Amino acid sequence: MLTKEDLSQIGNVVDSKLNKRLEPFEKRFGSIDKKLNSLDKDVTYIRKSINVDISGFDKEYLDLRKRVEQIEKHLELQTH
């Protein structure tokens, strides 16, 4: 019959073998995790940049629309 010490030694051997097999995967996943974090930061930066650009176009559009309305009013043109 196996003693607690025998079971503990068997468990240590199994853990050691398992850790050796998982080590390459842990390294790979760590590398992938770093790349995903980098991509997440890039996407966040791009979204902020796009929002700034869009808000700039919106402001320009509204300014131009206001100017056109003033011209139409001055020339007494019919608007829809």
PDB file of N, CA and C in Angstrom:
ATOM      1  N   MET A   1       0.845  -1.177   0.000  1.00  0.00           N
ATOM      2  CA  MET A   1       0.000   0.000   0.000  1.00  0.00           C
ATOM      3  C   MET A   1       0.891   1.241   0.000  1.00  0.00           C
ATOM      4  N   LEU A   2       0.430   2.285  -0.682  1.00  0.00           N
ATOM      5  CA  LEU A   2       1.199   3.517  -0.795  1.00  0.00           C
ATOM      6  C   LEU A   2       0.990   4.394   0.437  1.00  0.00           C
ATOM      7  N   THR A   3       2.069   5.014   0.844  1.00  0.00           N
ATOM      8  CA  THR A   3       1.989   5.918   1.986  1.00  0.00           C
ATOM      9  C   THR A   3       1.744   7.344   1.482  1.00  0.00           C
ATOM     10  N   LYS A   4       1.487   8.229   2.435  1.00  0.00           N
ATOM     11  CA  LYS A   4       1.287   9.637   2.071  1.00  0.00           C
ATOM     12  C   LYS A   4       2.542  10.200   1.424  1.00  0.00           C
ATOM     13  N   GLU A   5       3.684   9.771   1.885  1.00  0.00           N
ATOM     14  CA  GLU A   5       4.958  10.236   1.319  1.00  0.00           C
ATOM     15  C   GLU A   5       5.109   9.769  -0.125  1.00  0.00           C
ATOM     16  N   ASP A   6       4.743   8.520  -0.387  1.00  0.00           N
ATOM     17  CA  ASP A   6       4.804   7.992  -1.759  1.00  0.00           C
ATOM     18  C   ASP A   6       3.888   8.794  -2.689  1.00  0.00           C
ATOM     19  N   LEU A   7       2.659   9.044  -2.207  1.00  0.00           N
ATOM     20  CA  LEU A   7       1.696   9.808  -3.006  1.00  0.00           C
ATOM     21  C   LEU A   7       2.194  11.230  -3.260  1.00  0.00           C
ATOM     22  N   SER A   8       2.824  11.805  -2.240  1.00  0.00           N
ATOM     23  CA  SER A   8       3.372  13.146  -2.389  1.00  0.00           C
ATOM     24  C   SER A   8       4.484  13.171  -3.429  1.00  0.00           C
ATOM     25  N   GLN A   9       5.347  12.169  -3.411  1.00  0.00           N
ATOM     26  CA  GLN A   9       6.433  12.092  -4.398  1.00  0.00           C
ATOM     27  C   GLN A   9       5.880  11.893  -5.802  1.00  0.00           C
ATOM     28  N   ILE A  10       4.864  11.053  -5.929  1.00  0.00           N
ATOM     29  CA  ILE A  10       4.236  10.835  -7.240  1.00  0.00           C
ATOM     30  C   ILE A  10       3.619  12.151  -7.728  1.00  0.00           C
ATOM     31  N   GLY A  11       2.938  12.848  -6.821  1.00  0.00           N
ATOM     32  CA  GLY A  11       2.346  14.134  -7.183  1.00  0.00           C
ATOM     33  C   GLY A  11       3.406  15.127  -7.636  1.00  0.00           C
ATOM     34  N   ASN A  12       4.555  15.165  -6.979  1.00  0.00           N
ATOM     35  CA  ASN A  12       5.634  16.073  -7.366  1.00  0.00           C
ATOM     36  C   ASN A  12       6.166  15.744  -8.753  1.00  0.00           C
ATOM     37  N   VAL A  13       6.303  14.449  -9.047  1.00  0.00           N
ATOM     38  CA  VAL A  13       6.789  14.029 -10.365  1.00  0.00           C
ATOM     39  C   VAL A  13       5.786  14.444 -11.440  1.00  0.00           C
ATOM     40  N   VAL A  14       4.500  14.209 -11.187  1.00  0.00           N
ATOM     41  CA  VAL A  14       3.459  14.567 -12.154  1.00  0.00           C
ATOM     42  C   VAL A  14       3.448  16.084 -12.366  1.00  0.00           C
ATOM     43  N   ASP A  15       3.510  16.845 -11.276  1.00  0.00           N
ATOM     44  CA  ASP A  15       3.533  18.314 -11.385  1.00  0.00           C
ATOM     45  C   ASP A  15       4.737  18.782 -12.193  1.00  0.00           C
ATOM     46  N   SER A  16       5.887  18.185 -11.942  1.00  0.00           N
ATOM     47  CA  SER A  16       7.113  18.569 -12.651  1.00  0.00           C
ATOM     48  C   SER A  16       6.975  18.310 -14.145  1.00  0.00           C
ATOM     49  N   LYS A  17       6.465  17.134 -14.496  1.00  0.00           N
ATOM     50  CA  LYS A  17       6.286  16.791 -15.915  1.00  0.00           C
ATOM     51  C   LYS A  17       5.273  17.729 -16.568  1.00  0.00           C
ATOM     52  N   LEU A  18       4.189  18.003 -15.868  1.00  0.00           N
ATOM     53  CA  LEU A  18       3.155  18.872 -16.411  1.00  0.00           C
ATOM     54  C   LEU A  18       3.689  20.282 -16.620  1.00  0.00           C
ATOM     55  N   ASN A  19       4.434  20.796 -15.662  1.00  0.00           N
ATOM     56  CA  ASN A  19       5.001  22.139 -15.788  1.00  0.00           C
ATOM     57  C   ASN A  19       5.957  22.238 -16.972  1.00  0.00           C
ATOM     58  N   LYS A  20       6.749  21.194 -17.194  1.00  0.00           N
ATOM     59  CA  LYS A  20       7.677  21.200 -18.333  1.00  0.00           C
ATOM     60  C   LYS A  20       6.913  21.228 -19.652  1.00  0.00           C
ATOM     61  N   ARG A  21       5.789  20.533 -19.705  1.00  0.00           N
ATOM     62  CA  ARG A  21       5.003  20.500 -20.939  1.00  0.00           C
ATOM     63  C   ARG A  21       4.254  21.812 -21.161  1.00  0.00           C
ATOM     64  N   LEU A  22       3.860  22.475 -20.089  1.00  0.00           N
ATOM     65  CA  LEU A  22       3.088  23.718 -20.215  1.00  0.00           C
ATOM     66  C   LEU A  22       3.964  24.944 -20.412  1.00  0.00           C
ATOM     67  N   GLU A  23       5.217  24.850 -20.068  1.00  0.00           N
ATOM     68  CA  GLU A  23       6.119  26.006 -20.140  1.00  0.00           C
ATOM     69  C   GLU A  23       6.151  26.678 -21.513  1.00  0.00           C
ATOM     70  N   PRO A  24       6.300  25.934 -22.624  1.00  0.00           N
ATOM     71  CA  PRO A  24       6.304  26.608 -23.935  1.00  0.00           C
ATOM     72  C   PRO A  24       4.989  27.341 -24.229  1.00  0.00           C
ATOM     73  N   PHE A  25       3.885  26.755 -23.783  1.00  0.00           N
ATOM     74  CA  PHE A  25       2.593  27.398 -24.011  1.00  0.00           C
ATOM     75  C   PHE A  25       2.475  28.679 -23.202  1.00  0.00           C
ATOM     76  N   GLU A  26       2.960  28.656 -21.971  1.00  0.00           N
ATOM     77  CA  GLU A  26       2.910  29.853 -21.136  1.00  0.00           C
ATOM     78  C   GLU A  26       3.733  30.972 -21.756  1.00  0.00           C
ATOM     79  N   LYS A  27       4.883  30.635 -22.312  1.00  0.00           N
ATOM     80  CA  LYS A  27       5.707  31.649 -22.973  1.00  0.00           C
ATOM     81  C   LYS A  27       4.970  32.224 -24.180  1.00  0.00           C
ATOM     82  N   ARG A  28       4.359  31.337 -24.964  1.00  0.00           N
ATOM     83  CA  ARG A  28       3.612  31.781 -26.149  1.00  0.00           C
ATOM     84  C   ARG A  28       2.457  32.691 -25.775  1.00  0.00           C
ATOM     85  N   PHE A  29       1.686  32.267 -24.764  1.00  0.00           N
ATOM     86  CA  PHE A  29       0.532  33.062 -24.361  1.00  0.00           C
ATOM     87  C   PHE A  29       0.960  34.395 -23.777  1.00  0.00           C
ATOM     88  N   GLY A  30       2.071  34.415 -23.081  1.00  0.00           N
ATOM     89  CA  GLY A  30       2.588  35.677 -22.556  1.00  0.00           C
ATOM     90  C   GLY A  30       2.915  36.627 -23.688  1.00  0.00           C
ATOM     91  N   SER A  31       3.528  36.101 -24.740  1.00  0.00           N
ATOM     92  CA  SER A  31       3.871  36.914 -25.907  1.00  0.00           C
ATOM     93  C   SER A  31       2.605  37.416 -26.605  1.00  0.00           C
ATOM     94  N   ILE A  32       1.630  36.536 -26.745  1.00  0.00           N
ATOM     95  CA  ILE A  32       0.367  36.911 -27.384  1.00  0.00           C
ATOM     96  C   ILE A  32      -0.348  37.970 -26.552  1.00  0.00           C
ATOM     97  N   ASP A  33      -0.314  37.808 -25.236  1.00  0.00           N
ATOM     98  CA  ASP A  33      -0.955  38.767 -24.342  1.00  0.00           C
ATOM     99  C   ASP A  33      -0.336  40.152 -24.502  1.00  0.00           C
ATOM    100  N   LYS A  34       0.981  40.223 -24.599  1.00  0.00           N
ATOM    101  CA  LYS A  34       1.659  41.509 -24.793  1.00  0.00           C
ATOM    102  C   LYS A  34       1.240  42.142 -26.113  1.00  0.00           C
ATOM    103  N   LYS A  35       1.159  41.328 -27.163  1.00  0.00           N
ATOM    104  CA  LYS A  35       0.760  41.847 -28.470  1.00  0.00           C
ATOM    105  C   LYS A  35      -0.681  42.358 -28.442  1.00  0.00           C
ATOM    106  N   LEU A  36      -1.563  41.625 -27.755  1.00  0.00           N
ATOM    107  CA  LEU A  36      -2.958  42.057 -27.664  1.00  0.00           C
ATOM    108  C   LEU A  36      -3.070  43.373 -26.899  1.00  0.00           C
ATOM    109  N   ASN A  37      -2.299  43.520 -25.838  1.00  0.00           N
ATOM    110  CA  ASN A  37      -2.314  44.782 -25.092  1.00  0.00           C
ATOM    111  C   ASN A  37      -1.851  45.925 -25.976  1.00  0.00           C
ATOM    112  N   SER A  38      -0.812  45.670 -26.767  1.00  0.00           N
ATOM    113  CA  SER A  38      -0.306  46.692 -27.677  1.00  0.00           C
ATOM    114  C   SER A  38      -1.366  47.058 -28.714  1.00  0.00           C
ATOM    115  N   LEU A  39      -2.031  46.054 -29.270  1.00  0.00           N
ATOM    116  CA  LEU A  39      -3.086  46.298 -30.254  1.00  0.00           C
ATOM    117  C   LEU A  39      -4.249  47.068 -29.637  1.00  0.00           C
ATOM    118  N   ASP A  40      -4.586  46.741 -28.403  1.00  0.00           N
ATOM    119  CA  ASP A  40      -5.672  47.432 -27.715  1.00  0.00           C
ATOM    120  C   ASP A  40      -5.343  48.913 -27.559  1.00  0.00           C
ATOM    121  N   LYS A  41      -4.108  49.220 -27.205  1.00  0.00           N
ATOM    122  CA  LYS A  41      -3.694  50.620 -27.074  1.00  0.00           C
ATOM    123  C   LYS A  41      -3.753  51.322 -28.426  1.00  0.00           C
ATOM    124  N   ASP A  42      -3.312  50.627 -29.486  1.00  0.00           N
ATOM    125  CA  ASP A  42      -3.347  51.211 -30.820  1.00  0.00           C
ATOM    126  C   ASP A  42      -4.783  51.507 -31.257  1.00  0.00           C
ATOM    127  N   VAL A  43      -5.682  50.572 -31.015  1.00  0.00           N
ATOM    128  CA  VAL A  43      -7.090  50.755 -31.403  1.00  0.00           C
ATOM    129  C   VAL A  43      -7.696  51.922 -30.632  1.00  0.00           C
ATOM    130  N   THR A  44      -7.379  52.022 -29.355  1.00  0.00           N
ATOM    131  CA  THR A  44      -7.887  53.134 -28.549  1.00  0.00           C
ATOM    132  C   THR A  44      -7.390  54.466 -29.106  1.00  0.00           C
ATOM    133  N   TYR A  45      -6.111  54.526 -29.449  1.00  0.00           N
ATOM    134  CA  TYR A  45      -5.540  55.750 -30.029  1.00  0.00           C
ATOM    135  C   TYR A  45      -6.220  56.105 -31.349  1.00  0.00           C
ATOM    136  N   ILE A  46      -6.434  55.110 -32.198  1.00  0.00           N
ATOM    137  CA  ILE A  46      -7.067  55.336 -33.500  1.00  0.00           C
ATOM    138  C   ILE A  46      -8.493  55.840 -33.318  1.00  0.00           C
ATOM    139  N   ARG A  47      -9.235  55.232 -32.389  1.00  0.00           N
ATOM    140  CA  ARG A  47     -10.614  55.674 -32.145  1.00  0.00           C
ATOM    141  C   ARG A  47     -10.653  57.129 -31.698  1.00  0.00           C
ATOM    142  N   LYS A  48      -9.765  57.493 -30.789  1.00  0.00           N
ATOM    143  CA  LYS A  48      -9.728  58.880 -30.320  1.00  0.00           C
ATOM    144  C   LYS A  48      -9.388  59.816 -31.470  1.00  0.00           C
ATOM    145  N   SER A  49      -8.437  59.407 -32.297  1.00  0.00           N
ATOM    146  CA  SER A  49      -8.029  60.228 -33.430  1.00  0.00           C
ATOM    147  C   SER A  49      -9.186  60.409 -34.415  1.00  0.00           C
ATOM    148  N   ILE A  50      -9.903  59.346 -34.687  1.00  0.00           N
ATOM    149  CA  ILE A  50     -11.051  59.408 -35.604  1.00  0.00           C
ATOM    150  C   ILE A  50     -12.125  60.324 -35.032  1.00  0.00           C
ATOM    151  N   ASN A  51     -12.386  60.210 -33.733  1.00  0.00           N
ATOM    152  CA  ASN A  51     -13.400  61.065 -33.112  1.00  0.00           C
ATOM    153  C   ASN A  51     -13.026  62.533 -33.227  1.00  0.00           C
ATOM    154  N   VAL A  52     -11.758  62.857 -33.056  1.00  0.00           N
ATOM    155  CA  VAL A  52     -11.309  64.241 -33.192  1.00  0.00           C
ATOM    156  C   VAL A  52     -11.515  64.713 -34.629  1.00  0.00           C
ATOM    157  N   ASP A  53     -11.133  63.866 -35.599  1.00  0.00           N
ATOM    158  CA  ASP A  53     -11.297  64.228 -37.008  1.00  0.00           C
ATOM    159  C   ASP A  53     -12.766  64.433 -37.361  1.00  0.00           C
ATOM    160  N   ILE A  54     -13.621  63.537 -36.909  1.00  0.00           N
ATOM    161  CA  ILE A  54     -15.049  63.627 -37.226  1.00  0.00           C
ATOM    162  C   ILE A  54     -15.650  64.885 -36.610  1.00  0.00           C
ATOM    163  N   SER A  55     -15.288  65.168 -35.376  1.00  0.00           N
ATOM    164  CA  SER A  55     -15.846  66.372 -34.746  1.00  0.00           C
ATOM    165  C   SER A  55     -15.377  67.622 -35.485  1.00  0.00           C
ATOM    166  N   GLY A  56     -14.157  67.591 -36.026  1.00  0.00           N
ATOM    167  CA  GLY A  56     -13.669  68.713 -36.825  1.00  0.00           C
ATOM    168  C   GLY A  56     -14.475  68.885 -38.094  1.00  0.00           C
ATOM    169  N   PHE A  57     -14.783  67.775 -38.777  1.00  0.00           N
ATOM    170  CA  PHE A  57     -15.596  67.853 -39.985  1.00  0.00           C
ATOM    171  C   PHE A  57     -17.008  68.329 -39.666  1.00  0.00           C
ATOM    172  N   ASP A  58     -17.561  67.857 -38.544  1.00  0.00           N
ATOM    173  CA  ASP A  58     -18.894  68.296 -38.150  1.00  0.00           C
ATOM    174  C   ASP A  58     -18.925  69.807 -37.948  1.00  0.00           C
ATOM    175  N   LYS A  59     -17.926  70.338 -37.279  1.00  0.00           N
ATOM    176  CA  LYS A  59     -17.866  71.778 -37.017  1.00  0.00           C
ATOM    177  C   LYS A  59     -17.749  72.543 -38.333  1.00  0.00           C
ATOM    178  N   GLU A  60     -16.886  72.063 -39.231  1.00  0.00           N
ATOM    179  CA  GLU A  60     -16.735  72.725 -40.534  1.00  0.00           C
ATOM    180  C   GLU A  60     -18.051  72.691 -41.306  1.00  0.00           C
ATOM    181  N   TYR A  61     -18.729  71.540 -41.290  1.00  0.00           N
ATOM    182  CA  TYR A  61     -20.007  71.401 -41.996  1.00  0.00           C
ATOM    183  C   TYR A  61     -21.032  72.388 -41.440  1.00  0.00           C
ATOM    184  N   LEU A  62     -21.121  72.466 -40.115  1.00  0.00           N
ATOM    185  CA  LEU A  62     -22.092  73.367 -39.503  1.00  0.00           C
ATOM    186  C   LEU A  62     -21.773  74.825 -39.822  1.00  0.00           C
ATOM    187  N   ASP A  63     -20.490  75.153 -39.826  1.00  0.00           N
ATOM    188  CA  ASP A  63     -20.099  76.526 -40.185  1.00  0.00           C
ATOM    189  C   ASP A  63     -20.483  76.850 -41.628  1.00  0.00           C
ATOM    190  N   LEU A  64     -20.209  75.920 -42.542  1.00  0.00           N
ATOM    191  CA  LEU A  64     -20.552  76.135 -43.949  1.00  0.00           C
ATOM    192  C   LEU A  64     -22.065  76.205 -44.146  1.00  0.00           C
ATOM    193  N   ARG A  65     -22.774  75.361 -43.454  1.00  0.00           N
ATOM    194  CA  ARG A  65     -24.241  75.367 -43.565  1.00  0.00           C
ATOM    195  C   ARG A  65     -24.799  76.714 -43.101  1.00  0.00           C
ATOM    196  N   LYS A  66     -24.266  77.222 -42.016  1.00  0.00           N
ATOM    197  CA  LYS A  66     -24.714  78.519 -41.500  1.00  0.00           C
ATOM    198  C   LYS A  66     -24.434  79.628 -42.511  1.00  0.00           C
ATOM    199  N   ARG A  67     -23.262  79.569 -43.133  1.00  0.00           N
ATOM    200  CA  ARG A  67     -22.910  80.580 -44.136  1.00  0.00           C
ATOM    201  C   ARG A  67     -23.842  80.497 -45.344  1.00  0.00           C
ATOM    202  N   VAL A  68     -24.145  79.293 -45.790  1.00  0.00           N
ATOM    203  CA  VAL A  68     -25.043  79.120 -46.936  1.00  0.00           C
ATOM    204  C   VAL A  68     -26.432  79.654 -46.596  1.00  0.00           C
ATOM    205  N   GLU A  69     -26.906  79.363 -45.394  1.00  0.00           N
ATOM    206  CA  GLU A  69     -28.216  79.870 -44.990  1.00  0.00           C
ATOM    207  C   GLU A  69     -28.239  81.398 -44.969  1.00  0.00           C
ATOM    208  N   GLN A  70     -27.148  82.000 -44.512  1.00  0.00           N
ATOM    209  CA  GLN A  70     -27.070  83.467 -44.498  1.00  0.00           C
ATOM    210  C   GLN A  70     -27.078  84.020 -45.921  1.00  0.00           C
ATOM    211  N   ILE A  71     -26.363  83.361 -46.829  1.00  0.00           N
ATOM    212  CA  ILE A  71     -26.339  83.800 -48.234  1.00  0.00           C
ATOM    213  C   ILE A  71     -27.732  83.666 -48.845  1.00  0.00           C
ATOM    214  N   GLU A  72     -28.397  82.521 -48.596  1.00  0.00           N
ATOM    215  CA  GLU A  72     -29.739  82.316 -49.126  1.00  0.00           C
ATOM    216  C   GLU A  72     -30.702  83.383 -48.591  1.00  0.00           C
ATOM    217  N   LYS A  73     -30.575  83.691 -47.319  1.00  0.00           N
ATOM    218  CA  LYS A  73     -31.437  84.713 -46.722  1.00  0.00           C
ATOM    219  C   LYS A  73     -31.154  86.075 -47.358  1.00  0.00           C
ATOM    220  N   HIS A  74     -29.892  86.401 -47.547  1.00  0.00           N
ATOM    221  CA  HIS A  74     -29.510  87.683 -48.139  1.00  0.00           C
ATOM    222  C   HIS A  74     -30.019  87.807 -49.583  1.00  0.00           C
ATOM    223  N   LEU A  75     -29.915  86.708 -50.324  1.00  0.00           N
ATOM    224  CA  LEU A  75     -30.353  86.728 -51.715  1.00  0.00           C
ATOM    225  C   LEU A  75     -31.845  86.452 -51.853  1.00  0.00           C
ATOM    226  N   GLU A  76     -32.503  86.243 -50.739  1.00  0.00           N
ATOM    227  CA  GLU A  76     -33.935  85.953 -50.686  1.00  0.00           C
ATOM    228  C   GLU A  76     -34.274  84.739 -51.549  1.00  0.00           C
ATOM    229  N   LEU A  77     -33.451  83.711 -51.402  1.00  0.00           N
ATOM    230  CA  LEU A  77     -33.709  82.445 -52.108  1.00  0.00           C
ATOM    231  C   LEU A  77     -34.601  81.576 -51.256  1.00  0.00           C
ATOM    232  N   GLN A  78     -35.445  80.789 -51.951  1.00  0.00           N
ATOM    233  CA  GLN A  78     -36.332  79.888 -51.224  1.00  0.00           C
ATOM    234  C   GLN A  78     -35.522  78.702 -50.713  1.00  0.00           C
ATOM    235  N   THR A  79     -35.760  78.363 -49.480  1.00  0.00           N
ATOM    236  CA  THR A  79     -35.095  77.183 -48.900  1.00  0.00           C
ATOM    237  C   THR A  79     -36.133  76.119 -48.640  1.00  0.00           C
ATOM    238  N   HIS A  80     -35.708  74.901 -48.508  1.00  0.00           N
ATOM    239  CA  HIS A  80     -36.667  73.816 -48.269  1.00  0.00           C
ATOM    240  C   HIS A  80     -37.088  73.831 -46.839  1.00  0.00           C
TER     241      HIS A  80
END
